[in-house]
């Protein structure tokens, strides 16, 4: 679609502008961190939602809505960082938690619809992915378990975020191994890798009380989207 061709360069340009502004201005600001940051996420969602008809529409809708819902979660949480009128924290938590099933569906369908997978090939790949996931989960989940306090939903999120990110990493690896190398394959793998590693890094910094809101590392999420 023509709209898609227009949105893509605008999103890339805004991402570059955001990186430059973040490097230039170290302090958080409403324009850089609330407006510009989340506008890029919404544009990324629109790119997926307006993808050409030849692309699997279920994949585009799943990934697009995952990006859009995550962006709304970011808007809600960022709003609370700047304004005294606080939005319910559950809004952002709900958006972030809904991101994972949508992105999982989109990833799985994107390669199962395009690649004929043999039983042994699938088994070997799953073994590699599960082993990779298990190692990283053991590394990242232990710190998360230290935060097990509060409501049942808080405990659920303490598990969901690190495990969900590690599963995305594993699925990205499976996608790379099972899909013929192409521009689309590299872009999707790079995006998944960037998002999951950025989120895991954020969780690690938060657990160790070292995360600084509005830092340049936040752009890893945008690159992933």
N, C-alpha and C. Protein backbone atom coordinates (compact mmCIF):
# COMPACT_ATOMS: atom_id res chain seq x y z
N UNK A 1 0.83 -1.19 0.00
CA UNK A 1 0.00 0.00 0.00
C UNK A 1 0.87 1.25 0.00
N UNK A 2 0.34 2.33 -0.64
CA UNK A 2 1.12 3.56 -0.72
C UNK A 2 1.35 4.17 0.65
N UNK A 3 0.35 4.04 1.52
CA UNK A 3 0.50 4.57 2.87
C UNK A 3 1.67 3.94 3.59
N UNK A 4 1.87 2.64 3.36
CA UNK A 4 2.97 1.93 3.99
C UNK A 4 4.31 2.47 3.52
N UNK A 5 4.41 2.79 2.22
CA UNK A 5 5.65 3.32 1.66
C UNK A 5 5.98 4.70 2.24
N UNK A 6 4.95 5.44 2.63
CA UNK A 6 5.17 6.76 3.22
C UNK A 6 5.53 6.65 4.70
N UNK A 7 4.87 5.75 5.41
CA UNK A 7 5.06 5.63 6.86
C UNK A 7 6.46 5.12 7.20
N UNK A 8 6.96 4.16 6.41
CA UNK A 8 8.25 3.53 6.73
C UNK A 8 9.40 4.54 6.82
N UNK A 9 9.63 5.38 5.79
CA UNK A 9 10.74 6.34 5.90
C UNK A 9 10.53 7.37 7.01
N UNK A 10 9.27 7.73 7.27
CA UNK A 10 8.98 8.67 8.35
C UNK A 10 9.37 8.06 9.70
N UNK A 11 9.02 6.79 9.89
CA UNK A 11 9.34 6.11 11.15
C UNK A 11 10.85 6.00 11.34
N UNK A 12 11.57 5.66 10.27
CA UNK A 12 13.03 5.56 10.35
C UNK A 12 13.65 6.91 10.68
N UNK A 13 13.15 7.96 10.02
CA UNK A 13 13.67 9.31 10.26
C UNK A 13 13.43 9.74 11.70
N UNK A 14 12.23 9.46 12.21
CA UNK A 14 11.91 9.84 13.58
C UNK A 14 12.76 9.06 14.59
N UNK A 15 13.05 7.79 14.27
CA UNK A 15 13.92 7.00 15.15
C UNK A 15 15.32 7.60 15.22
N UNK A 16 15.85 8.00 14.07
CA UNK A 16 17.18 8.62 14.05
C UNK A 16 17.17 9.95 14.81
N UNK A 17 16.09 10.72 14.63
CA UNK A 17 15.97 11.99 15.36
C UNK A 17 15.90 11.74 16.86
N UNK A 18 15.16 10.70 17.24
CA UNK A 18 15.04 10.39 18.67
C UNK A 18 16.39 10.01 19.27
N UNK A 19 17.16 9.21 18.54
CA UNK A 19 18.48 8.81 19.02
C UNK A 19 19.38 10.04 19.19
N UNK A 20 19.36 10.93 18.20
CA UNK A 20 20.19 12.14 18.27
C UNK A 20 19.77 13.03 19.44
N UNK A 21 18.45 13.20 19.62
CA UNK A 21 17.97 14.02 20.73
C UNK A 21 18.32 13.40 22.07
N UNK A 22 18.24 12.06 22.14
CA UNK A 22 18.55 11.39 23.40
C UNK A 22 20.03 11.53 23.74
N UNK A 23 20.89 11.49 22.70
CA UNK A 23 22.33 11.67 22.93
C UNK A 23 22.62 13.12 23.35
N UNK A 24 21.90 14.06 22.73
CA UNK A 24 22.14 15.48 22.99
C UNK A 24 21.59 15.92 24.34
N UNK A 25 20.37 15.45 24.66
CA UNK A 25 19.72 15.85 25.90
C UNK A 25 19.56 14.62 26.79
N UNK A 26 20.32 14.58 27.86
CA UNK A 26 20.33 13.40 28.73
C UNK A 26 19.13 13.33 29.67
N UNK A 27 18.52 14.48 29.95
CA UNK A 27 17.39 14.49 30.88
C UNK A 27 16.09 14.10 30.17
N UNK A 28 15.24 13.33 30.84
CA UNK A 28 13.94 12.96 30.25
C UNK A 28 13.10 14.19 29.95
N UNK A 29 12.32 14.12 28.87
CA UNK A 29 11.43 15.22 28.52
C UNK A 29 10.14 14.65 27.94
N UNK A 30 9.07 15.41 28.06
CA UNK A 30 7.76 14.97 27.57
C UNK A 30 7.82 14.74 26.06
N UNK A 31 8.47 15.66 25.34
CA UNK A 31 8.50 15.52 23.88
C UNK A 31 9.29 14.30 23.44
N UNK A 32 10.49 14.13 23.99
CA UNK A 32 11.37 13.03 23.55
C UNK A 32 10.85 11.68 24.02
N UNK A 33 10.46 11.59 25.27
CA UNK A 33 10.17 10.28 25.87
C UNK A 33 8.70 9.88 25.82
N UNK A 34 7.80 10.85 25.80
CA UNK A 34 6.38 10.51 25.74
C UNK A 34 5.83 10.61 24.33
N UNK A 35 6.05 11.75 23.68
CA UNK A 35 5.44 11.99 22.37
C UNK A 35 6.22 11.30 21.26
N UNK A 36 7.50 11.65 21.10
CA UNK A 36 8.28 11.12 19.98
C UNK A 36 8.51 9.62 20.11
N UNK A 37 8.90 9.16 21.28
CA UNK A 37 9.18 7.74 21.49
C UNK A 37 7.98 6.88 21.12
N UNK A 38 6.81 7.25 21.62
CA UNK A 38 5.63 6.42 21.38
C UNK A 38 5.03 6.62 20.00
N UNK A 39 5.27 7.79 19.40
CA UNK A 39 4.83 7.99 18.02
C UNK A 39 5.54 7.02 17.09
N UNK A 40 6.82 6.77 17.35
CA UNK A 40 7.58 5.82 16.54
C UNK A 40 7.01 4.41 16.69
N UNK A 41 6.65 4.02 17.91
CA UNK A 41 6.06 2.71 18.13
C UNK A 41 4.74 2.56 17.40
N UNK A 42 3.91 3.61 17.42
CA UNK A 42 2.62 3.56 16.73
C UNK A 42 2.81 3.49 15.22
N UNK A 43 3.79 4.22 14.70
CA UNK A 43 4.08 4.16 13.26
C UNK A 43 4.55 2.76 12.86
N UNK A 44 5.36 2.13 13.72
CA UNK A 44 5.80 0.76 13.44
C UNK A 44 4.61 -0.18 13.36
N UNK A 45 3.63 0.02 14.24
CA UNK A 45 2.42 -0.80 14.20
C UNK A 45 1.63 -0.56 12.92
N UNK A 46 1.55 0.70 12.49
CA UNK A 46 0.82 1.02 11.26
C UNK A 46 1.48 0.40 10.04
N UNK A 47 2.81 0.32 10.06
CA UNK A 47 3.53 -0.32 8.95
C UNK A 47 3.10 -1.77 8.81
N UNK A 48 3.00 -2.48 9.93
CA UNK A 48 2.57 -3.88 9.89
C UNK A 48 1.11 -4.00 9.51
N UNK A 49 0.27 -3.13 10.05
CA UNK A 49 -1.17 -3.22 9.81
C UNK A 49 -1.55 -2.85 8.38
N UNK A 50 -0.70 -2.07 7.71
CA UNK A 50 -0.99 -1.67 6.32
C UNK A 50 -0.07 -2.36 5.33
N UNK A 51 0.47 -3.51 5.72
CA UNK A 51 1.38 -4.26 4.84
C UNK A 51 0.66 -4.68 3.57
N UNK A 52 1.39 -4.90 2.46
CA UNK A 52 0.78 -5.30 1.20
C UNK A 52 -0.07 -6.56 1.34
N UNK A 53 -1.04 -6.70 0.46
CA UNK A 53 -1.97 -7.83 0.50
C UNK A 53 -1.25 -9.16 0.33
N UNK A 54 -0.13 -9.17 -0.41
CA UNK A 54 0.58 -10.43 -0.65
C UNK A 54 1.15 -11.02 0.64
N UNK A 55 1.28 -10.20 1.68
CA UNK A 55 1.79 -10.68 2.96
C UNK A 55 0.66 -11.35 3.73
N UNK A 56 1.00 -12.38 4.51
CA UNK A 56 0.01 -13.06 5.34
C UNK A 56 -0.65 -12.04 6.28
N UNK A 57 -1.94 -11.81 6.08
CA UNK A 57 -2.64 -10.78 6.84
C UNK A 57 -2.74 -11.11 8.33
N UNK A 58 -2.85 -12.39 8.66
CA UNK A 58 -2.94 -12.76 10.07
C UNK A 58 -1.64 -12.45 10.80
N UNK A 59 -0.52 -12.66 10.11
CA UNK A 59 0.78 -12.32 10.69
C UNK A 59 0.88 -10.81 10.90
N UNK A 60 0.51 -10.06 9.87
CA UNK A 60 0.59 -8.60 9.93
C UNK A 60 -0.29 -8.03 11.04
N UNK A 61 -1.52 -8.55 11.13
CA UNK A 61 -2.44 -8.06 12.15
C UNK A 61 -1.96 -8.41 13.55
N UNK A 62 -1.46 -9.64 13.72
CA UNK A 62 -0.99 -10.07 15.03
C UNK A 62 0.20 -9.24 15.49
N UNK A 63 1.20 -9.10 14.61
CA UNK A 63 2.39 -8.32 14.97
C UNK A 63 2.05 -6.84 15.11
N UNK A 64 1.21 -6.33 14.19
CA UNK A 64 0.83 -4.92 14.25
C UNK A 64 0.09 -4.56 15.52
N UNK A 65 -0.87 -5.38 15.90
CA UNK A 65 -1.61 -5.10 17.14
C UNK A 65 -0.73 -5.30 18.38
N UNK A 66 0.21 -6.24 18.30
CA UNK A 66 1.16 -6.41 19.41
C UNK A 66 1.98 -5.13 19.60
N UNK A 67 2.47 -4.57 18.49
CA UNK A 67 3.24 -3.32 18.56
C UNK A 67 2.39 -2.17 19.07
N UNK A 68 1.14 -2.11 18.60
CA UNK A 68 0.24 -1.02 18.99
C UNK A 68 -0.09 -1.10 20.48
N UNK A 69 -0.42 -2.30 20.95
CA UNK A 69 -0.76 -2.47 22.36
C UNK A 69 0.45 -2.17 23.25
N UNK A 70 1.64 -2.61 22.83
CA UNK A 70 2.85 -2.31 23.59
C UNK A 70 3.07 -0.80 23.65
N UNK A 71 2.83 -0.10 22.55
CA UNK A 71 3.02 1.35 22.51
C UNK A 71 2.05 2.05 23.45
N UNK A 72 0.81 1.58 23.52
CA UNK A 72 -0.14 2.16 24.47
C UNK A 72 0.31 1.91 25.91
N UNK A 73 0.86 0.72 26.16
CA UNK A 73 1.40 0.45 27.49
C UNK A 73 2.53 1.41 27.83
N UNK A 74 3.36 1.69 26.83
CA UNK A 74 4.46 2.64 27.03
C UNK A 74 3.94 4.04 27.30
N UNK A 75 2.87 4.43 26.59
CA UNK A 75 2.27 5.75 26.81
C UNK A 75 1.75 5.87 28.24
N UNK A 76 1.05 4.84 28.70
CA UNK A 76 0.49 4.88 30.06
C UNK A 76 1.59 4.98 31.11
N UNK A 77 2.63 4.15 30.97
CA UNK A 77 3.69 4.15 31.98
C UNK A 77 4.52 5.43 31.92
N UNK A 78 4.77 5.94 30.71
CA UNK A 78 5.55 7.18 30.58
C UNK A 78 4.77 8.37 31.10
N UNK A 79 3.47 8.38 30.86
CA UNK A 79 2.62 9.45 31.40
C UNK A 79 2.80 9.57 32.91
N UNK A 80 2.80 8.45 33.58
CA UNK A 80 2.92 8.45 35.04
C UNK A 80 4.28 8.95 35.52
N UNK A 81 5.27 8.91 34.62
CA UNK A 81 6.61 9.39 34.98
C UNK A 81 6.71 10.91 34.93
N UNK A 82 5.75 11.56 34.24
CA UNK A 82 5.83 13.00 34.06
C UNK A 82 4.75 13.79 34.78
N UNK A 83 3.58 13.21 34.95
CA UNK A 83 2.44 13.98 35.43
C UNK A 83 1.93 13.49 36.78
N UNK A 84 1.41 14.43 37.56
CA UNK A 84 0.90 14.09 38.89
C UNK A 84 -0.39 13.29 38.80
N UNK A 85 -1.21 13.55 37.77
CA UNK A 85 -2.43 12.79 37.59
C UNK A 85 -2.06 11.40 37.06
N UNK A 86 -2.04 10.44 37.95
CA UNK A 86 -1.55 9.10 37.63
C UNK A 86 -2.64 8.23 37.01
N UNK A 87 -2.24 7.47 35.99
CA UNK A 87 -3.12 6.47 35.40
C UNK A 87 -2.94 5.15 36.15
N UNK A 88 -3.97 4.32 36.22
CA UNK A 88 -3.82 3.03 36.91
C UNK A 88 -2.69 2.22 36.30
N UNK A 89 -1.79 1.75 37.14
CA UNK A 89 -0.62 0.99 36.67
C UNK A 89 -1.02 -0.28 35.94
N UNK A 90 -2.20 -0.80 36.28
CA UNK A 90 -2.66 -2.04 35.67
C UNK A 90 -2.88 -1.87 34.17
N UNK A 91 -3.13 -0.64 33.71
CA UNK A 91 -3.34 -0.41 32.28
C UNK A 91 -2.07 -0.74 31.49
N UNK A 92 -0.95 -0.21 31.93
CA UNK A 92 0.31 -0.50 31.22
C UNK A 92 0.70 -1.96 31.38
N UNK A 93 0.50 -2.52 32.57
CA UNK A 93 0.84 -3.93 32.79
C UNK A 93 0.01 -4.84 31.90
N UNK A 94 -1.27 -4.52 31.75
CA UNK A 94 -2.15 -5.33 30.90
C UNK A 94 -1.71 -5.26 29.44
N UNK A 95 -1.35 -4.06 28.99
CA UNK A 95 -0.89 -3.90 27.60
C UNK A 95 0.39 -4.70 27.36
N UNK A 96 1.33 -4.59 28.28
CA UNK A 96 2.60 -5.31 28.12
C UNK A 96 2.39 -6.82 28.14
N UNK A 97 1.46 -7.29 28.97
CA UNK A 97 1.23 -8.74 29.06
C UNK A 97 0.52 -9.27 27.82
N UNK A 98 -0.35 -8.44 27.20
CA UNK A 98 -1.04 -8.86 25.98
C UNK A 98 -0.11 -8.89 24.78
N UNK A 99 0.99 -8.17 24.87
CA UNK A 99 1.96 -8.14 23.77
C UNK A 99 2.49 -9.53 23.45
N UNK A 100 2.78 -10.31 24.47
CA UNK A 100 3.46 -11.59 24.27
C UNK A 100 2.65 -12.62 23.49
N UNK A 101 1.39 -12.92 23.84
CA UNK A 101 0.66 -13.91 23.03
C UNK A 101 0.47 -13.48 21.59
N UNK A 102 0.29 -12.18 21.36
CA UNK A 102 0.12 -11.69 19.99
C UNK A 102 1.40 -11.86 19.19
N UNK A 103 2.53 -11.50 19.78
CA UNK A 103 3.80 -11.61 19.05
C UNK A 103 4.18 -13.06 18.86
N UNK A 104 3.87 -13.93 19.84
CA UNK A 104 4.15 -15.36 19.69
C UNK A 104 3.39 -15.93 18.50
N UNK A 105 2.10 -15.59 18.41
CA UNK A 105 1.28 -16.09 17.30
C UNK A 105 1.83 -15.61 15.97
N UNK A 106 2.20 -14.34 15.89
CA UNK A 106 2.71 -13.79 14.64
C UNK A 106 4.01 -14.45 14.21
N UNK A 107 4.91 -14.70 15.16
CA UNK A 107 6.19 -15.32 14.82
C UNK A 107 5.99 -16.75 14.33
N UNK A 108 5.21 -17.53 15.08
CA UNK A 108 5.00 -18.93 14.72
C UNK A 108 4.35 -19.04 13.35
N UNK A 109 3.31 -18.26 13.12
CA UNK A 109 2.62 -18.34 11.84
C UNK A 109 3.49 -17.85 10.69
N UNK A 110 4.36 -16.89 10.95
CA UNK A 110 5.18 -16.32 9.88
C UNK A 110 6.11 -17.34 9.26
N UNK A 111 6.63 -18.30 10.07
CA UNK A 111 7.51 -19.29 9.44
C UNK A 111 6.82 -20.62 9.15
N UNK A 112 5.74 -20.95 9.87
CA UNK A 112 5.05 -22.21 9.56
C UNK A 112 4.25 -22.10 8.27
N UNK A 113 3.87 -20.88 7.90
CA UNK A 113 3.12 -20.68 6.67
C UNK A 113 4.03 -20.60 5.45
N UNK A 114 5.31 -20.31 5.66
CA UNK A 114 6.23 -20.09 4.54
C UNK A 114 7.21 -21.24 4.32
N UNK A 115 7.38 -22.09 5.36
CA UNK A 115 8.41 -23.13 5.27
C UNK A 115 7.81 -24.49 5.56
N UNK A 116 8.11 -25.48 4.73
CA UNK A 116 7.71 -26.85 5.00
C UNK A 116 8.77 -27.48 5.91
N UNK A 117 8.37 -27.81 7.11
CA UNK A 117 9.31 -28.26 8.12
C UNK A 117 9.23 -29.77 8.29
N UNK A 118 10.36 -30.44 8.13
CA UNK A 118 10.40 -31.87 8.35
C UNK A 118 10.39 -32.18 9.84
N UNK A 119 9.92 -33.38 10.19
CA UNK A 119 9.78 -33.75 11.60
C UNK A 119 11.12 -33.72 12.32
N UNK A 120 12.16 -34.33 11.71
CA UNK A 120 13.47 -34.36 12.36
C UNK A 120 14.09 -32.97 12.45
N UNK A 121 13.90 -32.20 11.39
CA UNK A 121 14.44 -30.83 11.38
C UNK A 121 13.78 -30.00 12.48
N UNK A 122 12.46 -30.15 12.62
CA UNK A 122 11.74 -29.41 13.64
C UNK A 122 12.19 -29.85 15.03
N UNK A 123 12.36 -31.18 15.21
CA UNK A 123 12.77 -31.71 16.51
C UNK A 123 14.14 -31.18 16.90
N UNK A 124 15.09 -31.22 15.97
CA UNK A 124 16.44 -30.72 16.25
C UNK A 124 16.41 -29.24 16.64
N UNK A 125 15.62 -28.49 15.89
CA UNK A 125 15.55 -27.05 16.14
C UNK A 125 14.91 -26.76 17.49
N UNK A 126 13.85 -27.50 17.81
CA UNK A 126 13.17 -27.30 19.10
C UNK A 126 14.11 -27.63 20.25
N UNK A 127 14.91 -28.71 20.09
CA UNK A 127 15.86 -29.09 21.14
C UNK A 127 16.86 -27.97 21.39
N UNK A 128 17.38 -27.40 20.30
CA UNK A 128 18.32 -26.28 20.43
C UNK A 128 17.65 -25.09 21.10
N UNK A 129 16.43 -24.78 20.66
CA UNK A 129 15.71 -23.63 21.20
C UNK A 129 15.38 -23.82 22.68
N UNK A 130 14.92 -25.02 23.03
CA UNK A 130 14.56 -25.29 24.42
C UNK A 130 15.80 -25.23 25.32
N UNK A 131 16.91 -25.79 24.84
CA UNK A 131 18.15 -25.73 25.62
C UNK A 131 18.60 -24.30 25.82
N UNK A 132 18.55 -23.53 24.75
CA UNK A 132 18.93 -22.12 24.81
C UNK A 132 18.02 -21.37 25.78
N UNK A 133 16.72 -21.65 25.69
CA UNK A 133 15.75 -20.99 26.56
C UNK A 133 15.98 -21.35 28.02
N UNK A 134 16.26 -22.63 28.27
CA UNK A 134 16.44 -23.10 29.64
C UNK A 134 17.62 -22.42 30.32
N UNK A 135 18.72 -22.29 29.59
CA UNK A 135 19.91 -21.66 30.16
C UNK A 135 19.64 -20.20 30.49
N UNK A 136 19.04 -19.47 29.55
CA UNK A 136 18.78 -18.06 29.79
C UNK A 136 17.71 -17.84 30.85
N UNK A 137 16.71 -18.72 30.86
CA UNK A 137 15.66 -18.60 31.87
C UNK A 137 16.24 -18.78 33.27
N UNK A 138 17.12 -19.76 33.42
CA UNK A 138 17.75 -20.00 34.73
C UNK A 138 18.55 -18.78 35.17
N UNK A 139 19.15 -18.10 34.20
CA UNK A 139 19.98 -16.94 34.52
C UNK A 139 19.15 -15.71 34.90
N UNK A 140 18.06 -15.48 34.13
CA UNK A 140 17.28 -14.26 34.33
C UNK A 140 16.11 -14.43 35.30
N UNK A 141 15.60 -15.65 35.45
CA UNK A 141 14.42 -15.83 36.28
C UNK A 141 14.75 -15.77 37.77
N UNK A 142 15.96 -16.20 38.14
CA UNK A 142 16.32 -16.18 39.56
C UNK A 142 16.24 -14.78 40.16
N UNK A 143 16.81 -13.74 39.49
CA UNK A 143 16.64 -12.39 40.05
C UNK A 143 15.18 -11.96 40.09
N UNK A 144 14.40 -12.37 39.07
CA UNK A 144 12.99 -11.97 39.04
C UNK A 144 12.24 -12.56 40.21
N UNK A 145 12.62 -13.76 40.63
CA UNK A 145 11.93 -14.42 41.74
C UNK A 145 12.14 -13.67 43.05
N UNK A 146 13.20 -12.89 43.12
CA UNK A 146 13.45 -12.12 44.34
C UNK A 146 12.42 -11.02 44.53
N UNK A 147 11.72 -10.67 43.44
CA UNK A 147 10.73 -9.60 43.51
C UNK A 147 9.33 -10.14 43.74
N UNK A 148 9.19 -11.42 44.07
CA UNK A 148 7.87 -12.03 44.27
C UNK A 148 7.22 -11.44 45.52
N UNK A 149 6.48 -10.39 45.32
CA UNK A 149 5.75 -9.77 46.42
C UNK A 149 4.56 -9.04 45.82
N UNK A 150 3.51 -8.88 46.62
CA UNK A 150 2.35 -8.17 46.13
C UNK A 150 1.26 -9.11 45.66
N UNK A 151 0.42 -8.61 44.74
CA UNK A 151 -0.73 -9.36 44.28
C UNK A 151 -0.32 -10.52 43.39
N UNK A 152 -1.31 -11.39 43.12
CA UNK A 152 -1.06 -12.53 42.24
C UNK A 152 -0.68 -12.04 40.84
N UNK A 153 -1.29 -10.93 40.41
CA UNK A 153 -0.99 -10.38 39.08
C UNK A 153 0.45 -9.89 39.02
N UNK A 154 0.94 -9.30 40.11
CA UNK A 154 2.33 -8.83 40.15
C UNK A 154 3.30 -10.01 40.07
N UNK A 155 2.97 -11.08 40.77
CA UNK A 155 3.80 -12.29 40.71
C UNK A 155 3.80 -12.86 39.30
N UNK A 156 2.61 -12.87 38.68
CA UNK A 156 2.48 -13.35 37.30
C UNK A 156 3.37 -12.56 36.35
N UNK A 157 3.35 -11.23 36.50
CA UNK A 157 4.17 -10.38 35.63
C UNK A 157 5.65 -10.58 35.89
N UNK A 158 6.01 -10.84 37.15
CA UNK A 158 7.42 -11.07 37.50
C UNK A 158 7.98 -12.28 36.75
N UNK A 159 7.10 -13.23 36.45
CA UNK A 159 7.51 -14.42 35.70
C UNK A 159 7.36 -14.19 34.20
N UNK A 160 6.25 -13.54 33.82
CA UNK A 160 5.94 -13.39 32.39
C UNK A 160 7.01 -12.63 31.63
N UNK A 161 7.44 -11.49 32.15
CA UNK A 161 8.34 -10.64 31.39
C UNK A 161 9.67 -11.32 31.04
N UNK A 162 10.42 -11.84 32.02
CA UNK A 162 11.70 -12.46 31.65
C UNK A 162 11.54 -13.73 30.83
N UNK A 163 10.56 -14.57 31.20
CA UNK A 163 10.36 -15.80 30.44
C UNK A 163 9.86 -15.49 29.04
N UNK A 164 8.93 -14.52 28.93
CA UNK A 164 8.42 -14.13 27.62
C UNK A 164 9.53 -13.62 26.72
N UNK A 165 10.43 -12.82 27.26
CA UNK A 165 11.54 -12.30 26.46
C UNK A 165 12.49 -13.42 26.02
N UNK A 166 12.74 -14.37 26.91
CA UNK A 166 13.62 -15.48 26.55
C UNK A 166 12.97 -16.35 25.49
N UNK A 167 11.67 -16.55 25.59
CA UNK A 167 10.96 -17.32 24.56
C UNK A 167 11.03 -16.62 23.21
N UNK A 168 10.90 -15.29 23.22
CA UNK A 168 11.05 -14.54 21.97
C UNK A 168 12.44 -14.76 21.38
N UNK A 169 13.47 -14.75 22.23
CA UNK A 169 14.82 -15.02 21.76
C UNK A 169 14.91 -16.40 21.11
N UNK A 170 14.34 -17.40 21.78
CA UNK A 170 14.38 -18.76 21.26
C UNK A 170 13.61 -18.87 19.95
N UNK A 171 12.46 -18.22 19.87
CA UNK A 171 11.65 -18.26 18.65
C UNK A 171 12.37 -17.55 17.50
N UNK A 172 13.09 -16.48 17.83
CA UNK A 172 13.86 -15.79 16.81
C UNK A 172 14.95 -16.70 16.25
N UNK A 173 15.57 -17.49 17.14
CA UNK A 173 16.60 -18.44 16.72
C UNK A 173 16.00 -19.52 15.83
N UNK A 174 14.83 -20.04 16.23
CA UNK A 174 14.14 -21.05 15.42
C UNK A 174 13.80 -20.49 14.05
N UNK A 175 13.29 -19.27 14.04
CA UNK A 175 12.92 -18.62 12.77
C UNK A 175 14.14 -18.49 11.86
N UNK A 176 15.27 -18.10 12.44
CA UNK A 176 16.49 -17.92 11.64
C UNK A 176 16.98 -19.25 11.08
N UNK A 177 16.86 -20.32 11.87
CA UNK A 177 17.35 -21.64 11.45
C UNK A 177 16.45 -22.29 10.41
N UNK A 178 15.15 -22.03 10.48
CA UNK A 178 14.20 -22.74 9.62
C UNK A 178 13.79 -21.96 8.38
N UNK A 179 14.09 -20.69 8.33
CA UNK A 179 13.64 -19.86 7.22
C UNK A 179 14.82 -19.52 6.31
N UNK A 180 14.63 -19.64 4.98
CA UNK A 180 15.70 -19.24 4.05
C UNK A 180 16.13 -17.80 4.29
N UNK A 181 17.43 -17.57 4.22
CA UNK A 181 17.95 -16.23 4.47
C UNK A 181 17.44 -15.25 3.42
N UNK A 182 16.84 -14.18 3.88
CA UNK A 182 16.33 -13.13 3.01
C UNK A 182 16.31 -11.83 3.80
N UNK A 183 15.99 -10.74 3.12
CA UNK A 183 15.91 -9.45 3.80
C UNK A 183 14.84 -9.50 4.89
N UNK A 184 13.72 -10.13 4.58
CA UNK A 184 12.62 -10.24 5.54
C UNK A 184 13.05 -11.04 6.77
N UNK A 185 13.76 -12.15 6.53
CA UNK A 185 14.22 -13.00 7.64
C UNK A 185 15.17 -12.23 8.56
N UNK A 186 16.13 -11.54 7.96
CA UNK A 186 17.12 -10.80 8.74
C UNK A 186 16.47 -9.67 9.54
N UNK A 187 15.53 -8.95 8.90
CA UNK A 187 14.86 -7.84 9.58
C UNK A 187 14.04 -8.33 10.77
N UNK A 188 13.29 -9.42 10.56
CA UNK A 188 12.46 -9.93 11.64
C UNK A 188 13.32 -10.47 12.78
N UNK A 189 14.38 -11.21 12.43
CA UNK A 189 15.27 -11.76 13.46
C UNK A 189 15.94 -10.63 14.24
N UNK A 190 16.43 -9.62 13.53
CA UNK A 190 17.11 -8.50 14.19
C UNK A 190 16.15 -7.75 15.10
N UNK A 191 14.91 -7.57 14.63
CA UNK A 191 13.92 -6.88 15.45
C UNK A 191 13.60 -7.63 16.73
N UNK A 192 13.37 -8.94 16.59
CA UNK A 192 13.07 -9.76 17.77
C UNK A 192 14.24 -9.79 18.73
N UNK A 193 15.45 -9.91 18.18
CA UNK A 193 16.66 -9.95 19.01
C UNK A 193 16.83 -8.64 19.77
N UNK A 194 16.66 -7.52 19.06
CA UNK A 194 16.83 -6.21 19.68
C UNK A 194 15.81 -5.98 20.79
N UNK A 195 14.55 -6.32 20.51
CA UNK A 195 13.50 -6.07 21.50
C UNK A 195 13.70 -6.92 22.75
N UNK A 196 13.92 -8.21 22.55
CA UNK A 196 14.03 -9.12 23.71
C UNK A 196 15.27 -8.81 24.55
N UNK A 197 16.40 -8.54 23.90
CA UNK A 197 17.61 -8.21 24.66
C UNK A 197 17.46 -6.88 25.40
N UNK A 198 16.81 -5.92 24.75
CA UNK A 198 16.59 -4.62 25.41
C UNK A 198 15.69 -4.78 26.62
N UNK A 199 14.65 -5.60 26.49
CA UNK A 199 13.74 -5.80 27.61
C UNK A 199 14.41 -6.56 28.75
N UNK A 200 15.20 -7.57 28.41
CA UNK A 200 15.93 -8.31 29.44
C UNK A 200 16.95 -7.41 30.14
N UNK A 201 17.61 -6.56 29.37
CA UNK A 201 18.57 -5.62 29.96
C UNK A 201 17.87 -4.64 30.89
N UNK A 202 16.68 -4.18 30.47
CA UNK A 202 15.89 -3.29 31.31
C UNK A 202 15.50 -3.98 32.62
N UNK A 203 15.06 -5.24 32.53
CA UNK A 203 14.68 -5.99 33.73
C UNK A 203 15.88 -6.15 34.67
N UNK A 204 17.04 -6.45 34.08
CA UNK A 204 18.24 -6.63 34.89
C UNK A 204 18.63 -5.33 35.59
N UNK A 205 18.58 -4.22 34.86
CA UNK A 205 18.90 -2.92 35.45
C UNK A 205 17.90 -2.56 36.55
N UNK A 206 16.62 -2.85 36.30
CA UNK A 206 15.58 -2.52 37.29
C UNK A 206 15.76 -3.32 38.57
N UNK A 207 16.04 -4.61 38.41
CA UNK A 207 16.22 -5.47 39.58
C UNK A 207 17.41 -5.00 40.43
N UNK A 208 18.43 -4.49 39.74
CA UNK A 208 19.64 -4.04 40.44
C UNK A 208 19.61 -2.53 40.75
N UNK A 209 18.42 -1.92 40.56
CA UNK A 209 18.24 -0.49 40.86
C UNK A 209 19.22 0.39 40.10
N UNK A 210 19.45 0.05 38.84
CA UNK A 210 20.40 0.81 38.03
C UNK A 210 19.76 1.42 36.78
N UNK A 211 18.47 1.17 36.60
CA UNK A 211 17.80 1.69 35.40
C UNK A 211 17.55 3.18 35.53
N UNK A 212 17.84 3.93 34.47
CA UNK A 212 17.57 5.35 34.41
C UNK A 212 16.56 5.61 33.30
N UNK A 213 15.42 6.15 33.68
CA UNK A 213 14.36 6.44 32.71
C UNK A 213 14.85 7.43 31.66
N UNK A 214 14.54 7.14 30.40
CA UNK A 214 14.94 8.03 29.32
C UNK A 214 16.37 7.85 28.84
N UNK A 215 16.96 6.71 29.12
CA UNK A 215 18.34 6.46 28.68
C UNK A 215 18.36 6.00 27.23
N UNK A 216 19.51 6.04 26.61
CA UNK A 216 19.66 5.69 25.20
C UNK A 216 19.33 4.22 24.95
N UNK A 217 19.48 3.38 25.96
CA UNK A 217 19.19 1.95 25.79
C UNK A 217 17.71 1.70 25.52
N UNK A 218 16.84 2.65 25.87
CA UNK A 218 15.41 2.49 25.61
C UNK A 218 15.12 2.40 24.11
N UNK A 219 16.00 2.96 23.30
CA UNK A 219 15.79 2.92 21.85
C UNK A 219 15.92 1.51 21.28
N UNK A 220 16.48 0.58 22.06
CA UNK A 220 16.52 -0.81 21.62
C UNK A 220 15.13 -1.37 21.42
N UNK A 221 14.16 -0.93 22.25
CA UNK A 221 12.77 -1.34 22.07
C UNK A 221 12.24 -0.84 20.73
N UNK A 222 12.51 0.43 20.43
CA UNK A 222 12.02 1.00 19.17
C UNK A 222 12.64 0.31 17.97
N UNK A 223 13.92 0.01 18.05
CA UNK A 223 14.59 -0.70 16.97
C UNK A 223 13.95 -2.07 16.76
N UNK A 224 13.59 -2.72 17.87
CA UNK A 224 12.94 -4.02 17.78
C UNK A 224 11.56 -3.94 17.16
N UNK A 225 10.82 -2.90 17.49
CA UNK A 225 9.49 -2.74 16.92
C UNK A 225 9.56 -2.46 15.43
